[in-house]
Amino acid sequence: MEELRAQCVDPGQRVVDMGVDLAEDGAPEAVVGQAVGEFGHVDVLVCNHARSGGDGVIGDLTAEMLDAHWAVNARSSILLVQSFAAQHDGRPGGRVVLMTSGQGLGPMPGEVAYAASKAALAGVTMTLADQLADVGITVNTINPGPVDTGYMTPEMMAHVAPMFPFGRMGAPDDPARLIEWLVSDEGQWMTGQVLNTEGGFARWRPPSS
């Protein structure tokens, strides 16, 4: 949070943070309610959260695994959009950006629950965009591809880097630039789209041993 606060150049700018478990009932509504309470109105919603891990392949899945990923990745995102739309007063500039994971572009071995929950967001994008256009809100979904947010080991980086034409992993600024455009005035005509910003990432599966 301090790094974000350091980016505030205007004395009137401020950053407010809130920690919640988005799997809990009422958490999405509480997040939007807190934001509205602090700022009066929310113009932009970016659902950049995800549950990853605790997953499995067909044969190992349980209802609990599937429900846990659905609750955080899909259900809470849709409820956040609903709460965002409820507080929007129709002014120009309402923007929603959801995040998916390219699960439709190639397999995600061992991540059936995660892939299913993220696919739901890509699948519902057009439906949300159609309804919310009536109140002046655009809805788009982006797939940022593999992005190094500090979790990758040097071994992982060395394995993945050759899959990118530029020879490097995605950096947080790469998808952030697309999000910045989508929520700007320049992005006002873009809605209902699922956009891939992967730097030419080439998926492949190593041969079976």
N, C-alpha and C. Protein backbone atom coordinates (compact mmCIF):
# COMPACT_ATOMS: atom_id res chain seq x y z
N MET A 1 0.81 -1.20 0.00
CA MET A 1 0.00 0.00 0.00
C MET A 1 0.86 1.27 0.00
N GLU A 2 1.97 1.22 0.70
CA GLU A 2 2.82 2.41 0.74
C GLU A 2 3.38 2.75 -0.63
N GLU A 3 3.67 1.70 -1.42
CA GLU A 3 4.16 1.94 -2.77
C GLU A 3 3.10 2.63 -3.62
N LEU A 4 1.84 2.21 -3.45
CA LEU A 4 0.75 2.87 -4.17
C LEU A 4 0.56 4.30 -3.70
N ARG A 5 0.61 4.50 -2.40
CA ARG A 5 0.44 5.86 -1.87
C ARG A 5 1.54 6.79 -2.38
N ALA A 6 2.71 6.23 -2.62
CA ALA A 6 3.81 7.06 -3.10
C ALA A 6 3.56 7.57 -4.51
N GLN A 7 2.62 6.91 -5.24
CA GLN A 7 2.31 7.35 -6.60
C GLN A 7 1.33 8.52 -6.62
N CYS A 8 0.73 8.85 -5.49
CA CYS A 8 -0.22 9.96 -5.43
C CYS A 8 0.53 11.28 -5.51
N VAL A 9 0.28 12.02 -6.58
CA VAL A 9 1.00 13.28 -6.80
C VAL A 9 0.15 14.49 -6.43
N ASP A 10 -1.16 14.30 -6.39
CA ASP A 10 -2.06 15.39 -6.03
C ASP A 10 -2.39 15.28 -4.55
N PRO A 11 -2.38 16.40 -3.82
CA PRO A 11 -2.70 16.34 -2.38
C PRO A 11 -4.07 15.73 -2.09
N GLY A 12 -4.98 15.81 -3.04
CA GLY A 12 -6.31 15.27 -2.83
C GLY A 12 -6.43 13.78 -3.10
N GLN A 13 -5.38 13.18 -3.65
CA GLN A 13 -5.41 11.76 -3.95
C GLN A 13 -5.12 10.95 -2.69
N ARG A 14 -5.77 9.80 -2.58
CA ARG A 14 -5.48 8.92 -1.45
C ARG A 14 -5.81 7.48 -1.81
N VAL A 15 -5.19 6.57 -1.10
CA VAL A 15 -5.39 5.14 -1.29
C VAL A 15 -6.00 4.57 -0.02
N VAL A 16 -7.07 3.81 -0.18
CA VAL A 16 -7.73 3.17 0.96
C VAL A 16 -7.71 1.66 0.71
N ASP A 17 -7.31 0.89 1.69
CA ASP A 17 -7.28 -0.56 1.52
C ASP A 17 -8.22 -1.23 2.51
N MET A 18 -8.63 -2.44 2.15
CA MET A 18 -9.56 -3.21 2.95
C MET A 18 -9.30 -4.69 2.69
N GLY A 19 -9.16 -5.47 3.73
CA GLY A 19 -8.93 -6.90 3.58
C GLY A 19 -10.20 -7.69 3.85
N VAL A 20 -10.57 -8.56 2.90
CA VAL A 20 -11.75 -9.41 3.07
C VAL A 20 -11.45 -10.78 2.47
N ASP A 21 -12.23 -11.77 2.89
CA ASP A 21 -12.23 -13.09 2.26
C ASP A 21 -13.41 -13.12 1.30
N LEU A 22 -13.12 -13.05 0.01
CA LEU A 22 -14.19 -12.94 -0.98
C LEU A 22 -15.01 -14.21 -1.14
N ALA A 23 -14.63 -15.27 -0.46
CA ALA A 23 -15.45 -16.47 -0.45
C ALA A 23 -16.60 -16.35 0.53
N GLU A 24 -16.55 -15.38 1.43
CA GLU A 24 -17.58 -15.24 2.45
C GLU A 24 -18.79 -14.48 1.91
N ASP A 25 -19.96 -14.88 2.38
CA ASP A 25 -21.19 -14.18 2.00
C ASP A 25 -21.11 -12.72 2.43
N GLY A 26 -21.48 -11.84 1.53
CA GLY A 26 -21.51 -10.41 1.84
C GLY A 26 -20.21 -9.68 1.62
N ALA A 27 -19.10 -10.42 1.37
CA ALA A 27 -17.81 -9.75 1.22
C ALA A 27 -17.75 -8.85 -0.01
N PRO A 28 -18.21 -9.29 -1.18
CA PRO A 28 -18.16 -8.38 -2.34
C PRO A 28 -18.95 -7.09 -2.11
N GLU A 29 -20.11 -7.22 -1.51
CA GLU A 29 -20.92 -6.04 -1.24
C GLU A 29 -20.24 -5.11 -0.24
N ALA A 30 -19.52 -5.71 0.73
CA ALA A 30 -18.81 -4.90 1.72
C ALA A 30 -17.68 -4.11 1.09
N VAL A 31 -17.00 -4.70 0.13
CA VAL A 31 -15.90 -4.00 -0.55
C VAL A 31 -16.42 -2.76 -1.29
N VAL A 32 -17.47 -2.94 -2.07
CA VAL A 32 -18.02 -1.81 -2.81
C VAL A 32 -18.61 -0.78 -1.85
N GLY A 33 -19.26 -1.26 -0.79
CA GLY A 33 -19.82 -0.34 0.18
C GLY A 33 -18.76 0.51 0.85
N GLN A 34 -17.62 -0.11 1.17
CA GLN A 34 -16.52 0.65 1.78
C GLN A 34 -15.99 1.70 0.82
N ALA A 35 -15.84 1.32 -0.45
CA ALA A 35 -15.32 2.26 -1.44
C ALA A 35 -16.27 3.44 -1.63
N VAL A 36 -17.56 3.14 -1.70
CA VAL A 36 -18.55 4.21 -1.84
C VAL A 36 -18.55 5.11 -0.61
N GLY A 37 -18.42 4.50 0.56
CA GLY A 37 -18.37 5.29 1.78
C GLY A 37 -17.17 6.22 1.84
N GLU A 38 -16.05 5.77 1.28
CA GLU A 38 -14.83 6.59 1.30
C GLU A 38 -14.82 7.67 0.22
N PHE A 39 -15.34 7.32 -0.96
CA PHE A 39 -15.18 8.22 -2.10
C PHE A 39 -16.49 8.74 -2.68
N GLY A 40 -17.62 8.23 -2.23
CA GLY A 40 -18.89 8.74 -2.69
C GLY A 40 -19.44 8.05 -3.92
N HIS A 41 -18.55 7.68 -4.84
CA HIS A 41 -18.96 6.99 -6.07
C HIS A 41 -17.75 6.25 -6.61
N VAL A 42 -17.98 5.07 -7.18
CA VAL A 42 -16.90 4.29 -7.79
C VAL A 42 -17.11 4.27 -9.29
N ASP A 43 -16.10 4.70 -10.03
CA ASP A 43 -16.18 4.76 -11.49
C ASP A 43 -15.64 3.52 -12.17
N VAL A 44 -14.67 2.85 -11.53
CA VAL A 44 -13.97 1.75 -12.18
C VAL A 44 -13.87 0.57 -11.22
N LEU A 45 -14.17 -0.63 -11.72
CA LEU A 45 -14.00 -1.86 -10.97
C LEU A 45 -13.09 -2.79 -11.76
N VAL A 46 -11.96 -3.19 -11.16
CA VAL A 46 -11.06 -4.16 -11.76
C VAL A 46 -10.99 -5.36 -10.82
N CYS A 47 -11.47 -6.50 -11.29
CA CYS A 47 -11.48 -7.72 -10.46
C CYS A 47 -10.20 -8.50 -10.70
N ASN A 48 -9.15 -8.10 -10.00
CA ASN A 48 -7.82 -8.67 -10.19
C ASN A 48 -7.48 -9.66 -9.09
N HIS A 49 -8.48 -10.34 -8.57
CA HIS A 49 -8.24 -11.32 -7.51
C HIS A 49 -8.43 -12.73 -8.06
N ALA A 50 -7.87 -13.71 -7.37
CA ALA A 50 -8.04 -15.08 -7.82
C ALA A 50 -7.66 -16.05 -6.71
N ARG A 51 -8.31 -17.20 -6.73
CA ARG A 51 -7.88 -18.34 -5.94
C ARG A 51 -7.16 -19.30 -6.88
N SER A 52 -5.92 -19.64 -6.56
CA SER A 52 -5.14 -20.59 -7.34
C SER A 52 -4.46 -21.54 -6.38
N GLY A 53 -4.43 -22.81 -6.73
CA GLY A 53 -3.87 -23.81 -5.82
C GLY A 53 -4.97 -24.60 -5.15
N GLY A 54 -4.61 -25.74 -4.56
CA GLY A 54 -5.62 -26.60 -3.97
C GLY A 54 -6.54 -27.17 -5.02
N ASP A 55 -5.97 -27.46 -6.18
CA ASP A 55 -6.73 -27.87 -7.35
C ASP A 55 -6.39 -29.33 -7.67
N GLY A 56 -6.81 -29.80 -8.84
CA GLY A 56 -6.51 -31.17 -9.19
C GLY A 56 -6.91 -31.52 -10.60
N VAL A 57 -6.68 -32.77 -10.96
CA VAL A 57 -7.05 -33.29 -12.26
C VAL A 57 -8.34 -34.10 -12.11
N ILE A 58 -8.94 -34.42 -13.25
CA ILE A 58 -10.10 -35.30 -13.21
C ILE A 58 -9.69 -36.62 -12.56
N GLY A 59 -10.44 -37.00 -11.56
CA GLY A 59 -10.10 -38.18 -10.77
C GLY A 59 -9.71 -37.82 -9.36
N ASP A 60 -9.22 -36.58 -9.19
CA ASP A 60 -8.81 -36.12 -7.86
C ASP A 60 -9.70 -35.01 -7.32
N LEU A 61 -10.62 -34.52 -8.14
CA LEU A 61 -11.42 -33.36 -7.74
C LEU A 61 -12.47 -33.73 -6.69
N THR A 62 -12.79 -32.74 -5.86
CA THR A 62 -13.89 -32.87 -4.91
C THR A 62 -14.83 -31.69 -5.11
N ALA A 63 -16.03 -31.83 -4.58
CA ALA A 63 -16.99 -30.73 -4.64
C ALA A 63 -16.43 -29.50 -3.92
N GLU A 64 -15.70 -29.72 -2.84
CA GLU A 64 -15.13 -28.61 -2.07
C GLU A 64 -14.12 -27.83 -2.90
N MET A 65 -13.27 -28.54 -3.65
CA MET A 65 -12.29 -27.86 -4.52
C MET A 65 -13.00 -26.98 -5.54
N LEU A 66 -13.99 -27.57 -6.21
CA LEU A 66 -14.71 -26.82 -7.25
C LEU A 66 -15.44 -25.62 -6.66
N ASP A 67 -16.13 -25.84 -5.54
CA ASP A 67 -16.90 -24.76 -4.93
C ASP A 67 -15.99 -23.63 -4.44
N ALA A 68 -14.81 -23.96 -3.90
CA ALA A 68 -13.90 -22.94 -3.38
C ALA A 68 -13.40 -22.03 -4.50
N HIS A 69 -13.06 -22.62 -5.64
CA HIS A 69 -12.59 -21.80 -6.76
C HIS A 69 -13.74 -20.99 -7.36
N TRP A 70 -14.90 -21.61 -7.47
CA TRP A 70 -16.06 -20.88 -7.99
C TRP A 70 -16.38 -19.68 -7.11
N ALA A 71 -16.37 -19.88 -5.80
CA ALA A 71 -16.78 -18.81 -4.88
C ALA A 71 -15.90 -17.59 -5.02
N VAL A 72 -14.60 -17.77 -5.13
CA VAL A 72 -13.69 -16.63 -5.19
C VAL A 72 -13.56 -16.08 -6.61
N ASN A 73 -13.33 -16.96 -7.57
CA ASN A 73 -12.99 -16.49 -8.91
C ASN A 73 -14.20 -16.03 -9.72
N ALA A 74 -15.30 -16.73 -9.60
CA ALA A 74 -16.47 -16.40 -10.42
C ALA A 74 -17.57 -15.71 -9.63
N ARG A 75 -18.05 -16.37 -8.57
CA ARG A 75 -19.20 -15.81 -7.84
C ARG A 75 -18.90 -14.43 -7.29
N SER A 76 -17.76 -14.26 -6.63
CA SER A 76 -17.47 -12.95 -6.02
C SER A 76 -17.28 -11.88 -7.08
N SER A 77 -16.71 -12.24 -8.24
CA SER A 77 -16.53 -11.25 -9.31
C SER A 77 -17.89 -10.77 -9.83
N ILE A 78 -18.81 -11.70 -10.03
CA ILE A 78 -20.13 -11.32 -10.52
C ILE A 78 -20.87 -10.47 -9.49
N LEU A 79 -20.73 -10.82 -8.22
CA LEU A 79 -21.38 -10.04 -7.17
C LEU A 79 -20.74 -8.66 -7.02
N LEU A 80 -19.43 -8.57 -7.23
CA LEU A 80 -18.77 -7.26 -7.23
C LEU A 80 -19.32 -6.39 -8.35
N VAL A 81 -19.49 -6.98 -9.53
CA VAL A 81 -20.05 -6.23 -10.65
C VAL A 81 -21.47 -5.77 -10.32
N GLN A 82 -22.25 -6.64 -9.72
CA GLN A 82 -23.63 -6.28 -9.37
C GLN A 82 -23.67 -5.11 -8.39
N SER A 83 -22.81 -5.16 -7.37
CA SER A 83 -22.77 -4.07 -6.39
C SER A 83 -22.25 -2.78 -7.00
N PHE A 84 -21.27 -2.91 -7.88
CA PHE A 84 -20.74 -1.74 -8.59
C PHE A 84 -21.83 -1.08 -9.42
N ALA A 85 -22.58 -1.90 -10.16
CA ALA A 85 -23.65 -1.36 -11.01
C ALA A 85 -24.74 -0.71 -10.18
N ALA A 86 -25.03 -1.27 -9.00
CA ALA A 86 -26.10 -0.73 -8.17
C ALA A 86 -25.79 0.68 -7.67
N GLN A 87 -24.49 0.98 -7.45
CA GLN A 87 -24.15 2.32 -6.96
C GLN A 87 -23.88 3.32 -8.08
N HIS A 88 -23.78 2.82 -9.32
CA HIS A 88 -23.46 3.70 -10.44
C HIS A 88 -24.67 4.55 -10.80
N ASP A 89 -24.45 5.84 -10.95
CA ASP A 89 -25.56 6.77 -11.17
C ASP A 89 -25.75 7.16 -12.62
N GLY A 90 -25.10 6.43 -13.54
CA GLY A 90 -25.29 6.71 -14.96
C GLY A 90 -24.34 7.72 -15.55
N ARG A 91 -23.46 8.29 -14.74
CA ARG A 91 -22.50 9.26 -15.27
C ARG A 91 -21.58 8.56 -16.28
N PRO A 92 -21.00 9.29 -17.22
CA PRO A 92 -20.09 8.67 -18.19
C PRO A 92 -18.86 8.10 -17.49
N GLY A 93 -18.31 7.05 -18.07
CA GLY A 93 -17.04 6.52 -17.57
C GLY A 93 -17.13 5.30 -16.69
N GLY A 94 -18.30 4.69 -16.55
CA GLY A 94 -18.39 3.46 -15.77
C GLY A 94 -17.65 2.34 -16.47
N ARG A 95 -16.72 1.70 -15.77
CA ARG A 95 -15.89 0.67 -16.38
C ARG A 95 -15.75 -0.53 -15.46
N VAL A 96 -15.86 -1.73 -16.05
CA VAL A 96 -15.58 -2.98 -15.35
C VAL A 96 -14.56 -3.76 -16.17
N VAL A 97 -13.53 -4.25 -15.50
CA VAL A 97 -12.55 -5.14 -16.13
C VAL A 97 -12.43 -6.40 -15.28
N LEU A 98 -12.75 -7.53 -15.89
CA LEU A 98 -12.58 -8.83 -15.25
C LEU A 98 -11.28 -9.47 -15.73
N MET A 99 -10.80 -10.47 -15.00
CA MET A 99 -9.54 -11.12 -15.36
C MET A 99 -9.76 -12.61 -15.54
N THR A 100 -9.36 -13.11 -16.71
CA THR A 100 -9.41 -14.54 -16.97
C THR A 100 -7.98 -15.05 -17.15
N SER A 101 -7.81 -16.28 -17.63
CA SER A 101 -6.46 -16.86 -17.62
C SER A 101 -6.08 -17.60 -18.89
N GLY A 102 -6.74 -17.34 -19.98
CA GLY A 102 -6.35 -18.00 -21.22
C GLY A 102 -6.64 -19.48 -21.26
N GLN A 103 -7.59 -19.91 -20.42
CA GLN A 103 -7.90 -21.33 -20.35
C GLN A 103 -8.50 -21.86 -21.65
N GLY A 104 -8.98 -20.97 -22.50
CA GLY A 104 -9.52 -21.39 -23.78
C GLY A 104 -8.48 -21.46 -24.89
N LEU A 105 -7.25 -21.08 -24.58
CA LEU A 105 -6.19 -21.05 -25.59
C LEU A 105 -5.26 -22.25 -25.50
N GLY A 106 -5.38 -23.02 -24.44
CA GLY A 106 -4.53 -24.19 -24.25
C GLY A 106 -4.85 -24.84 -22.93
N PRO A 107 -4.36 -26.06 -22.72
CA PRO A 107 -4.67 -26.78 -21.48
C PRO A 107 -3.99 -26.15 -20.27
N MET A 108 -4.60 -26.35 -19.11
CA MET A 108 -4.02 -25.94 -17.83
C MET A 108 -3.94 -27.19 -16.96
N PRO A 109 -2.92 -28.02 -17.16
CA PRO A 109 -2.83 -29.31 -16.48
C PRO A 109 -2.90 -29.16 -14.96
N GLY A 110 -3.73 -29.98 -14.34
CA GLY A 110 -3.83 -29.98 -12.88
C GLY A 110 -4.63 -28.85 -12.30
N GLU A 111 -5.30 -28.04 -13.15
CA GLU A 111 -6.03 -26.88 -12.66
C GLU A 111 -7.45 -26.85 -13.21
N VAL A 112 -8.15 -27.95 -13.06
CA VAL A 112 -9.50 -28.05 -13.61
C VAL A 112 -10.45 -27.06 -12.93
N ALA A 113 -10.41 -27.01 -11.60
CA ALA A 113 -11.31 -26.11 -10.86
C ALA A 113 -11.02 -24.65 -11.18
N TYR A 114 -9.75 -24.30 -11.23
CA TYR A 114 -9.35 -22.92 -11.55
C TYR A 114 -9.78 -22.56 -12.96
N ALA A 115 -9.47 -23.43 -13.94
CA ALA A 115 -9.81 -23.15 -15.33
C ALA A 115 -11.31 -23.00 -15.51
N ALA A 116 -12.08 -23.85 -14.83
CA ALA A 116 -13.54 -23.77 -14.97
C ALA A 116 -14.08 -22.46 -14.43
N SER A 117 -13.56 -22.02 -13.28
CA SER A 117 -14.07 -20.79 -12.66
C SER A 117 -13.67 -19.56 -13.47
N LYS A 118 -12.49 -19.57 -14.05
CA LYS A 118 -12.07 -18.44 -14.87
C LYS A 118 -12.78 -18.43 -16.23
N ALA A 119 -13.07 -19.62 -16.74
CA ALA A 119 -13.82 -19.70 -18.00
C ALA A 119 -15.21 -19.10 -17.85
N ALA A 120 -15.78 -19.21 -16.65
CA ALA A 120 -17.10 -18.63 -16.41
C ALA A 120 -17.09 -17.12 -16.63
N LEU A 121 -16.02 -16.45 -16.23
CA LEU A 121 -15.95 -15.00 -16.40
C LEU A 121 -15.87 -14.62 -17.88
N ALA A 122 -15.03 -15.36 -18.62
CA ALA A 122 -14.96 -15.09 -20.06
C ALA A 122 -16.32 -15.33 -20.72
N GLY A 123 -17.01 -16.38 -20.27
CA GLY A 123 -18.28 -16.73 -20.87
C GLY A 123 -19.41 -15.77 -20.57
N VAL A 124 -19.34 -15.09 -19.44
CA VAL A 124 -20.44 -14.20 -19.05
C VAL A 124 -20.19 -12.74 -19.44
N THR A 125 -19.02 -12.46 -20.00
CA THR A 125 -18.65 -11.07 -20.30
C THR A 125 -19.67 -10.37 -21.20
N MET A 126 -20.05 -11.00 -22.29
CA MET A 126 -20.98 -10.36 -23.22
C MET A 126 -22.35 -10.13 -22.58
N THR A 127 -22.79 -11.08 -21.78
CA THR A 127 -24.10 -10.94 -21.12
C THR A 127 -24.09 -9.75 -20.16
N LEU A 128 -23.03 -9.63 -19.36
CA LEU A 128 -22.92 -8.49 -18.44
C LEU A 128 -22.83 -7.18 -19.21
N ALA A 129 -22.02 -7.18 -20.27
CA ALA A 129 -21.84 -5.95 -21.06
C ALA A 129 -23.15 -5.49 -21.68
N ASP A 130 -23.94 -6.45 -22.16
CA ASP A 130 -25.21 -6.11 -22.79
C ASP A 130 -26.15 -5.43 -21.79
N GLN A 131 -26.25 -5.97 -20.60
CA GLN A 131 -27.16 -5.37 -19.61
C GLN A 131 -26.66 -4.02 -19.12
N LEU A 132 -25.37 -3.95 -18.82
CA LEU A 132 -24.85 -2.74 -18.17
C LEU A 132 -24.63 -1.59 -19.14
N ALA A 133 -24.68 -1.86 -20.44
CA ALA A 133 -24.62 -0.75 -21.41
C ALA A 133 -25.78 0.20 -21.20
N ASP A 134 -26.89 -0.31 -20.71
CA ASP A 134 -28.07 0.54 -20.50
C ASP A 134 -27.83 1.61 -19.43
N VAL A 135 -26.87 1.38 -18.55
CA VAL A 135 -26.56 2.37 -17.51
C VAL A 135 -25.17 2.97 -17.70
N GLY A 136 -24.64 2.85 -18.93
CA GLY A 136 -23.40 3.53 -19.27
C GLY A 136 -22.14 2.87 -18.75
N ILE A 137 -22.16 1.55 -18.52
CA ILE A 137 -20.99 0.84 -18.02
C ILE A 137 -20.48 -0.10 -19.09
N THR A 138 -19.18 -0.06 -19.37
CA THR A 138 -18.56 -1.04 -20.25
C THR A 138 -18.03 -2.20 -19.41
N VAL A 139 -18.04 -3.39 -20.00
CA VAL A 139 -17.52 -4.58 -19.33
C VAL A 139 -16.62 -5.33 -20.30
N ASN A 140 -15.38 -5.52 -19.92
CA ASN A 140 -14.43 -6.29 -20.72
C ASN A 140 -13.64 -7.22 -19.81
N THR A 141 -13.12 -8.27 -20.41
CA THR A 141 -12.31 -9.24 -19.67
C THR A 141 -10.97 -9.36 -20.35
N ILE A 142 -9.90 -9.38 -19.57
CA ILE A 142 -8.58 -9.55 -20.17
C ILE A 142 -7.89 -10.79 -19.61
N ASN A 143 -7.12 -11.41 -20.47
CA ASN A 143 -6.24 -12.51 -20.10
C ASN A 143 -4.82 -11.97 -20.15
N PRO A 144 -4.18 -11.75 -19.00
CA PRO A 144 -2.85 -11.16 -19.00
C PRO A 144 -1.73 -12.12 -19.36
N GLY A 145 -2.04 -13.42 -19.47
CA GLY A 145 -0.99 -14.40 -19.70
C GLY A 145 -0.10 -14.53 -18.48
N PRO A 146 0.96 -15.31 -18.58
CA PRO A 146 1.89 -15.45 -17.45
C PRO A 146 2.57 -14.12 -17.13
N VAL A 147 2.43 -13.68 -15.92
CA VAL A 147 3.00 -12.40 -15.48
C VAL A 147 3.85 -12.63 -14.24
N ASP A 148 5.05 -12.13 -14.24
CA ASP A 148 5.94 -12.28 -13.09
C ASP A 148 5.58 -11.24 -12.03
N THR A 149 4.86 -11.68 -11.02
CA THR A 149 4.51 -10.80 -9.90
C THR A 149 5.35 -11.12 -8.67
N GLY A 150 6.47 -11.81 -8.88
CA GLY A 150 7.38 -12.11 -7.78
C GLY A 150 7.33 -13.53 -7.28
N TYR A 151 6.43 -14.35 -7.84
CA TYR A 151 6.28 -15.71 -7.35
C TYR A 151 7.15 -16.72 -8.09
N MET A 152 7.70 -16.34 -9.23
CA MET A 152 8.41 -17.31 -10.07
C MET A 152 9.86 -17.49 -9.63
N THR A 153 10.28 -18.74 -9.62
CA THR A 153 11.68 -19.06 -9.32
C THR A 153 12.52 -18.86 -10.58
N PRO A 154 13.84 -18.73 -10.45
CA PRO A 154 14.68 -18.63 -11.65
C PRO A 154 14.50 -19.81 -12.60
N GLU A 155 14.26 -21.00 -12.04
CA GLU A 155 14.06 -22.18 -12.87
C GLU A 155 12.77 -22.07 -13.69
N MET A 156 11.73 -21.58 -13.05
CA MET A 156 10.46 -21.39 -13.75
C MET A 156 10.62 -20.35 -14.86
N MET A 157 11.32 -19.27 -14.55
CA MET A 157 11.54 -18.22 -15.54
C MET A 157 12.30 -18.76 -16.75
N ALA A 158 13.34 -19.56 -16.50
CA ALA A 158 14.15 -20.10 -17.58
C ALA A 158 13.33 -21.05 -18.45
N HIS A 159 12.40 -21.76 -17.84
CA HIS A 159 11.56 -22.69 -18.59
C HIS A 159 10.55 -21.96 -19.46
N VAL A 160 9.98 -20.89 -18.96
CA VAL A 160 8.88 -20.22 -19.65
C VAL A 160 9.36 -19.17 -20.65
N ALA A 161 10.47 -18.50 -20.36
CA ALA A 161 10.92 -17.38 -21.19
C ALA A 161 11.00 -17.72 -22.68
N PRO A 162 11.51 -18.90 -23.08
CA PRO A 162 11.59 -19.20 -24.53
C PRO A 162 10.22 -19.30 -25.21
N MET A 163 9.14 -19.38 -24.43
CA MET A 163 7.80 -19.44 -25.03
C MET A 163 7.30 -18.06 -25.46
N PHE A 164 8.07 -17.01 -25.14
CA PHE A 164 7.70 -15.64 -25.50
C PHE A 164 8.61 -15.14 -26.62
N PRO A 165 8.07 -14.59 -27.70
CA PRO A 165 8.91 -14.07 -28.78
C PRO A 165 9.91 -13.02 -28.32
N PHE A 166 9.55 -12.25 -27.28
CA PHE A 166 10.46 -11.22 -26.79
C PHE A 166 11.48 -11.75 -25.80
N GLY A 167 11.37 -13.05 -25.46
CA GLY A 167 12.36 -13.67 -24.60
C GLY A 167 12.25 -13.30 -23.14
N ARG A 168 11.09 -12.79 -22.73
CA ARG A 168 10.91 -12.45 -21.32
C ARG A 168 9.48 -12.70 -20.90
N MET A 169 9.29 -12.89 -19.59
CA MET A 169 7.96 -13.01 -19.03
C MET A 169 7.22 -11.69 -19.11
N GLY A 170 5.91 -11.76 -18.96
CA GLY A 170 5.15 -10.54 -18.82
C GLY A 170 5.46 -9.88 -17.48
N ALA A 171 5.46 -8.56 -17.46
CA ALA A 171 5.63 -7.78 -16.24
C ALA A 171 4.29 -7.16 -15.87
N PRO A 172 4.06 -6.82 -14.60
CA PRO A 172 2.77 -6.24 -14.21
C PRO A 172 2.34 -5.05 -15.06
N ASP A 173 3.29 -4.24 -15.51
CA ASP A 173 2.94 -3.08 -16.33
C ASP A 173 2.36 -3.46 -17.69
N ASP A 174 2.65 -4.67 -18.16
CA ASP A 174 2.17 -5.06 -19.50
C ASP A 174 0.65 -5.15 -19.54
N PRO A 175 -0.01 -5.96 -18.71
CA PRO A 175 -1.48 -5.93 -18.72
C PRO A 175 -2.05 -4.64 -18.16
N ALA A 176 -1.30 -3.98 -17.25
CA ALA A 176 -1.80 -2.74 -16.65
C ALA A 176 -2.02 -1.66 -17.71
N ARG A 177 -1.17 -1.64 -18.73
CA ARG A 177 -1.34 -0.62 -19.79
C ARG A 177 -2.64 -0.84 -20.56
N LEU A 178 -3.00 -2.11 -20.78
CA LEU A 178 -4.27 -2.38 -21.46
C LEU A 178 -5.45 -2.00 -20.57
N ILE A 179 -5.36 -2.32 -19.30
CA ILE A 179 -6.43 -1.94 -18.37
C ILE A 179 -6.57 -0.43 -18.33
N GLU A 180 -5.44 0.27 -18.27
CA GLU A 180 -5.47 1.73 -18.24
C GLU A 180 -6.21 2.28 -19.45
N TRP A 181 -5.98 1.70 -20.62
CA TRP A 181 -6.66 2.16 -21.83
C TRP A 181 -8.15 1.84 -21.77
N LEU A 182 -8.50 0.64 -21.33
CA LEU A 182 -9.91 0.25 -21.28
C LEU A 182 -10.74 1.14 -20.37
N VAL A 183 -10.15 1.61 -19.28
CA VAL A 183 -10.91 2.42 -18.33
C VAL A 183 -10.83 3.91 -18.65
N SER A 184 -10.07 4.27 -19.69
CA SER A 184 -9.95 5.67 -20.07
C SER A 184 -11.06 6.07 -21.02
N ASP A 185 -11.12 7.36 -21.35
CA ASP A 185 -12.09 7.84 -22.33
C ASP A 185 -11.85 7.19 -23.69
N GLU A 186 -10.57 6.89 -24.01
CA GLU A 186 -10.26 6.29 -25.31
C GLU A 186 -10.87 4.89 -25.45
N GLY A 187 -11.14 4.23 -24.32
CA GLY A 187 -11.68 2.88 -24.37
C GLY A 187 -13.19 2.81 -24.27
N GLN A 188 -13.87 3.93 -24.44
CA GLN A 188 -15.31 3.97 -24.19
C GLN A 188 -16.15 3.17 -25.18
N TRP A 189 -15.60 2.83 -26.36
CA TRP A 189 -16.37 2.12 -27.37
C TRP A 189 -16.10 0.61 -27.32
N MET A 190 -15.24 0.18 -26.41
CA MET A 190 -14.88 -1.23 -26.28
C MET A 190 -15.70 -1.85 -25.15
N THR A 191 -16.53 -2.83 -25.46
CA THR A 191 -17.27 -3.52 -24.42
C THR A 191 -17.65 -4.92 -24.90
N GLY A 192 -17.82 -5.83 -23.94
CA GLY A 192 -18.20 -7.20 -24.25
C GLY A 192 -17.10 -8.05 -24.82
N GLN A 193 -15.85 -7.62 -24.67
CA GLN A 193 -14.73 -8.30 -25.31
C GLN A 193 -13.88 -9.08 -24.30
N VAL A 194 -13.31 -10.18 -24.77
CA VAL A 194 -12.29 -10.92 -24.02
C VAL A 194 -10.99 -10.73 -24.78
N LEU A 195 -10.04 -10.04 -24.15
CA LEU A 195 -8.81 -9.63 -24.82
C LEU A 195 -7.62 -10.35 -24.22
N ASN A 196 -6.76 -10.87 -25.10
CA ASN A 196 -5.54 -11.55 -24.67
C ASN A 196 -4.35 -10.63 -24.84
N THR A 197 -3.60 -10.43 -23.77
CA THR A 197 -2.41 -9.58 -23.82
C THR A 197 -1.25 -10.37 -23.25
N GLU A 198 -0.78 -11.32 -24.07
CA GLU A 198 0.19 -12.31 -23.60
C GLU A 198 1.58 -12.16 -24.21
N GLY A 199 1.81 -11.12 -24.99
CA GLY A 199 3.13 -10.96 -25.60
C GLY A 199 3.52 -12.09 -26.52
N GLY A 200 2.52 -12.68 -27.20
CA GLY A 200 2.83 -13.76 -28.15
C GLY A 200 3.13 -15.09 -27.50
N PHE A 201 2.74 -15.28 -26.25
CA PHE A 201 3.01 -16.51 -25.51
C PHE A 201 2.58 -17.73 -26.32
N ALA A 202 3.52 -18.66 -26.53
CA ALA A 202 3.26 -19.86 -27.31
C ALA A 202 3.15 -21.06 -26.37
N ARG A 203 1.94 -21.55 -26.23
CA ARG A 203 1.74 -22.71 -25.36
C ARG A 203 2.21 -23.99 -26.06
N TRP A 204 2.78 -24.87 -25.28
CA TRP A 204 3.15 -26.17 -25.80
C TRP A 204 3.20 -27.15 -24.65
N ARG A 205 3.04 -28.40 -24.98
CA ARG A 205 3.08 -29.46 -23.97
C ARG A 205 4.27 -30.36 -24.27
N PRO A 206 5.19 -30.56 -23.29
CA PRO A 206 6.34 -31.42 -23.54
C PRO A 206 5.89 -32.84 -23.84
N PRO A 207 6.64 -33.58 -24.65
CA PRO A 207 6.25 -34.96 -25.00
C PRO A 207 6.22 -35.85 -23.77
N SER A 208 5.31 -36.81 -23.78
CA SER A 208 5.21 -37.76 -22.66
C SER A 208 6.46 -38.63 -22.62
N SER A 209 6.92 -38.90 -21.40
CA SER A 209 8.12 -39.75 -21.27
C SER A 209 7.73 -41.22 -21.34
